[in-house]
Amino acid sequence: MPWKPVSKRVLIAALHKQRCAKVSEQGKHEKWQCGCGQHTTAVPRQREISPLVVNNIIEDLKCLPKGWLK
């Protein structure tokens, strides 16, 4: 599925809605963990997240329901 760039604000709001939490802030990325605690992903500190990175975040957080980022 081809994704469009997503605003970081929209992505963070969707992560909070799914009960994800920011675990750490190091370097150019923030580390986020899903509600179940088994999956983590890196979110870059940019205003706009590229389509490839959005796809990687969705794959990393595979425990979240399908279509959670809309």
N, C-alpha and C. Protein backbone atom coordinates (compact mmCIF):
# COMPACT_ATOMS: atom_id res chain seq x y z
N MET A 1 0.84 -1.17 0.00
CA MET A 1 0.00 0.00 0.00
C MET A 1 0.89 1.24 0.00
N PRO A 2 0.77 2.09 -0.98
CA PRO A 2 1.59 3.31 -1.03
C PRO A 2 1.08 4.33 -0.02
N TRP A 3 1.97 4.83 0.79
CA TRP A 3 1.63 5.81 1.80
C TRP A 3 2.07 7.19 1.35
N LYS A 4 1.43 8.20 1.88
CA LYS A 4 1.82 9.58 1.66
C LYS A 4 2.65 10.01 2.87
N PRO A 5 3.42 11.07 2.74
CA PRO A 5 4.10 11.59 3.93
C PRO A 5 3.08 11.95 5.00
N VAL A 6 3.44 11.74 6.24
CA VAL A 6 2.54 12.00 7.36
C VAL A 6 3.18 13.03 8.29
N SER A 7 2.38 13.94 8.78
CA SER A 7 2.85 14.91 9.75
C SER A 7 3.19 14.18 11.05
N LYS A 8 4.26 14.59 11.69
CA LYS A 8 4.66 13.94 12.94
C LYS A 8 3.57 14.10 13.99
N ARG A 9 2.91 15.23 13.99
CA ARG A 9 1.82 15.48 14.94
C ARG A 9 0.70 14.44 14.79
N VAL A 10 0.35 14.13 13.55
CA VAL A 10 -0.70 13.13 13.28
C VAL A 10 -0.24 11.74 13.71
N LEU A 11 1.02 11.41 13.41
CA LEU A 11 1.56 10.11 13.79
C LEU A 11 1.60 9.94 15.30
N ILE A 12 2.06 10.95 16.03
CA ILE A 12 2.15 10.88 17.49
C ILE A 12 0.75 10.75 18.10
N ALA A 13 -0.22 11.49 17.56
CA ALA A 13 -1.60 11.39 18.06
C ALA A 13 -2.15 9.98 17.86
N ALA A 14 -1.85 9.37 16.71
CA ALA A 14 -2.31 8.00 16.44
C ALA A 14 -1.62 7.00 17.37
N LEU A 15 -0.35 7.20 17.66
CA LEU A 15 0.36 6.33 18.59
C LEU A 15 -0.23 6.44 20.00
N HIS A 16 -0.52 7.65 20.44
CA HIS A 16 -1.13 7.84 21.76
C HIS A 16 -2.50 7.18 21.83
N LYS A 17 -3.26 7.29 20.75
CA LYS A 17 -4.60 6.69 20.71
C LYS A 17 -4.52 5.17 20.86
N GLN A 18 -3.44 4.57 20.38
CA GLN A 18 -3.25 3.12 20.48
C GLN A 18 -2.51 2.72 21.75
N ARG A 19 -2.37 3.65 22.70
CA ARG A 19 -1.71 3.43 23.99
C ARG A 19 -0.23 3.10 23.87
N CYS A 20 0.41 3.68 22.89
CA CYS A 20 1.86 3.54 22.75
C CYS A 20 2.52 4.62 23.61
N ALA A 21 3.74 4.36 24.03
CA ALA A 21 4.44 5.30 24.90
C ALA A 21 5.85 5.54 24.39
N LYS A 22 6.32 6.78 24.58
CA LYS A 22 7.69 7.11 24.23
C LYS A 22 8.61 6.55 25.30
N VAL A 23 9.58 5.75 24.88
CA VAL A 23 10.48 5.08 25.81
C VAL A 23 11.75 5.89 26.03
N SER A 24 12.32 6.43 24.94
CA SER A 24 13.54 7.21 25.08
C SER A 24 13.68 8.20 23.94
N GLU A 25 14.55 9.18 24.18
CA GLU A 25 14.87 10.19 23.17
C GLU A 25 16.38 10.26 23.06
N GLN A 26 16.92 9.71 21.99
CA GLN A 26 18.36 9.75 21.79
C GLN A 26 18.65 10.08 20.33
N GLY A 27 19.57 10.98 20.13
CA GLY A 27 19.99 11.31 18.77
C GLY A 27 18.88 11.91 17.93
N LYS A 28 18.75 11.40 16.73
CA LYS A 28 17.80 11.95 15.76
C LYS A 28 16.46 11.25 15.79
N HIS A 29 16.26 10.28 16.71
CA HIS A 29 15.03 9.51 16.75
C HIS A 29 14.48 9.41 18.17
N GLU A 30 13.19 9.15 18.24
CA GLU A 30 12.52 8.84 19.50
C GLU A 30 12.14 7.36 19.43
N LYS A 31 12.27 6.66 20.54
CA LYS A 31 11.91 5.24 20.57
C LYS A 31 10.53 5.11 21.20
N TRP A 32 9.61 4.46 20.48
CA TRP A 32 8.24 4.27 20.93
C TRP A 32 7.96 2.78 21.11
N GLN A 33 7.16 2.46 22.13
CA GLN A 33 6.81 1.07 22.42
C GLN A 33 5.29 0.93 22.40
N CYS A 34 4.83 -0.21 21.86
CA CYS A 34 3.39 -0.45 21.77
C CYS A 34 2.83 -0.78 23.15
N GLY A 35 1.51 -0.82 23.26
CA GLY A 35 0.85 -1.09 24.53
C GLY A 35 1.15 -2.45 25.11
N CYS A 36 1.38 -3.46 24.27
CA CYS A 36 1.66 -4.81 24.77
C CYS A 36 3.09 -4.92 25.29
N GLY A 37 3.96 -3.99 24.92
CA GLY A 37 5.32 -3.98 25.41
C GLY A 37 6.30 -4.87 24.66
N GLN A 38 5.86 -5.52 23.59
CA GLN A 38 6.72 -6.44 22.86
C GLN A 38 7.36 -5.83 21.61
N HIS A 39 6.80 -4.73 21.12
CA HIS A 39 7.29 -4.14 19.87
C HIS A 39 7.71 -2.70 20.09
N THR A 40 8.81 -2.31 19.45
CA THR A 40 9.28 -0.93 19.51
C THR A 40 9.58 -0.44 18.10
N THR A 41 9.61 0.87 17.95
CA THR A 41 9.95 1.47 16.67
C THR A 41 10.64 2.81 16.91
N ALA A 42 11.35 3.27 15.91
CA ALA A 42 12.04 4.56 15.96
C ALA A 42 11.27 5.56 15.11
N VAL A 43 11.00 6.71 15.70
CA VAL A 43 10.29 7.79 15.00
C VAL A 43 11.26 8.96 14.87
N PRO A 44 11.56 9.38 13.65
CA PRO A 44 12.51 10.48 13.46
C PRO A 44 11.96 11.80 13.98
N ARG A 45 12.86 12.68 14.35
CA ARG A 45 12.48 14.01 14.85
C ARG A 45 12.39 14.99 13.68
N GLN A 46 11.42 14.79 12.86
CA GLN A 46 11.19 15.67 11.71
C GLN A 46 9.72 16.07 11.72
N ARG A 47 9.41 17.16 11.09
CA ARG A 47 8.01 17.59 11.02
C ARG A 47 7.17 16.68 10.15
N GLU A 48 7.79 16.15 9.10
CA GLU A 48 7.07 15.28 8.17
C GLU A 48 7.82 13.96 8.05
N ILE A 49 7.08 12.87 8.18
CA ILE A 49 7.65 11.52 8.13
C ILE A 49 7.43 10.97 6.72
N SER A 50 8.50 10.50 6.10
CA SER A 50 8.43 10.02 4.72
C SER A 50 7.61 8.73 4.62
N PRO A 51 7.07 8.43 3.43
CA PRO A 51 6.25 7.24 3.24
C PRO A 51 6.98 5.93 3.59
N LEU A 52 8.25 5.83 3.27
CA LEU A 52 9.00 4.61 3.57
C LEU A 52 9.12 4.41 5.09
N VAL A 53 9.37 5.48 5.81
CA VAL A 53 9.49 5.40 7.26
C VAL A 53 8.13 5.08 7.89
N VAL A 54 7.07 5.66 7.37
CA VAL A 54 5.72 5.35 7.85
C VAL A 54 5.44 3.86 7.70
N ASN A 55 5.79 3.30 6.56
CA ASN A 55 5.59 1.87 6.32
C ASN A 55 6.41 1.04 7.31
N ASN A 56 7.64 1.44 7.59
CA ASN A 56 8.48 0.72 8.55
C ASN A 56 7.90 0.78 9.96
N ILE A 57 7.35 1.91 10.34
CA ILE A 57 6.74 2.05 11.67
C ILE A 57 5.54 1.12 11.79
N ILE A 58 4.72 1.06 10.75
CA ILE A 58 3.55 0.18 10.76
C ILE A 58 3.98 -1.28 10.86
N GLU A 59 5.03 -1.65 10.14
CA GLU A 59 5.53 -3.03 10.21
C GLU A 59 6.14 -3.35 11.58
N ASP A 60 6.84 -2.38 12.17
CA ASP A 60 7.45 -2.60 13.49
C ASP A 60 6.39 -2.82 14.56
N LEU A 61 5.30 -2.09 14.48
CA LEU A 61 4.24 -2.18 15.48
C LEU A 61 3.12 -3.08 14.96
N LYS A 62 3.46 -4.30 14.63
CA LYS A 62 2.53 -5.22 13.99
C LYS A 62 1.41 -5.68 14.90
N CYS A 63 1.51 -5.45 16.21
CA CYS A 63 0.43 -5.87 17.12
C CYS A 63 -0.75 -4.90 17.08
N LEU A 64 -0.56 -3.70 16.55
CA LEU A 64 -1.63 -2.73 16.48
C LEU A 64 -2.64 -3.14 15.40
N PRO A 65 -3.91 -2.78 15.58
CA PRO A 65 -4.94 -3.19 14.62
C PRO A 65 -4.67 -2.61 13.21
N LYS A 66 -5.11 -3.34 12.23
CA LYS A 66 -4.92 -2.90 10.84
C LYS A 66 -5.66 -1.58 10.61
N GLY A 67 -4.99 -0.65 9.96
CA GLY A 67 -5.59 0.64 9.66
C GLY A 67 -5.56 1.63 10.82
N TRP A 68 -4.68 1.43 11.79
CA TRP A 68 -4.62 2.31 12.96
C TRP A 68 -4.15 3.71 12.61
N LEU A 69 -3.42 3.84 11.51
CA LEU A 69 -2.92 5.16 11.10
C LEU A 69 -3.72 5.63 9.89
N LYS A 70 -4.80 6.32 10.14
CA LYS A 70 -5.62 6.84 9.03
C LYS A 70 -6.01 8.25 9.30
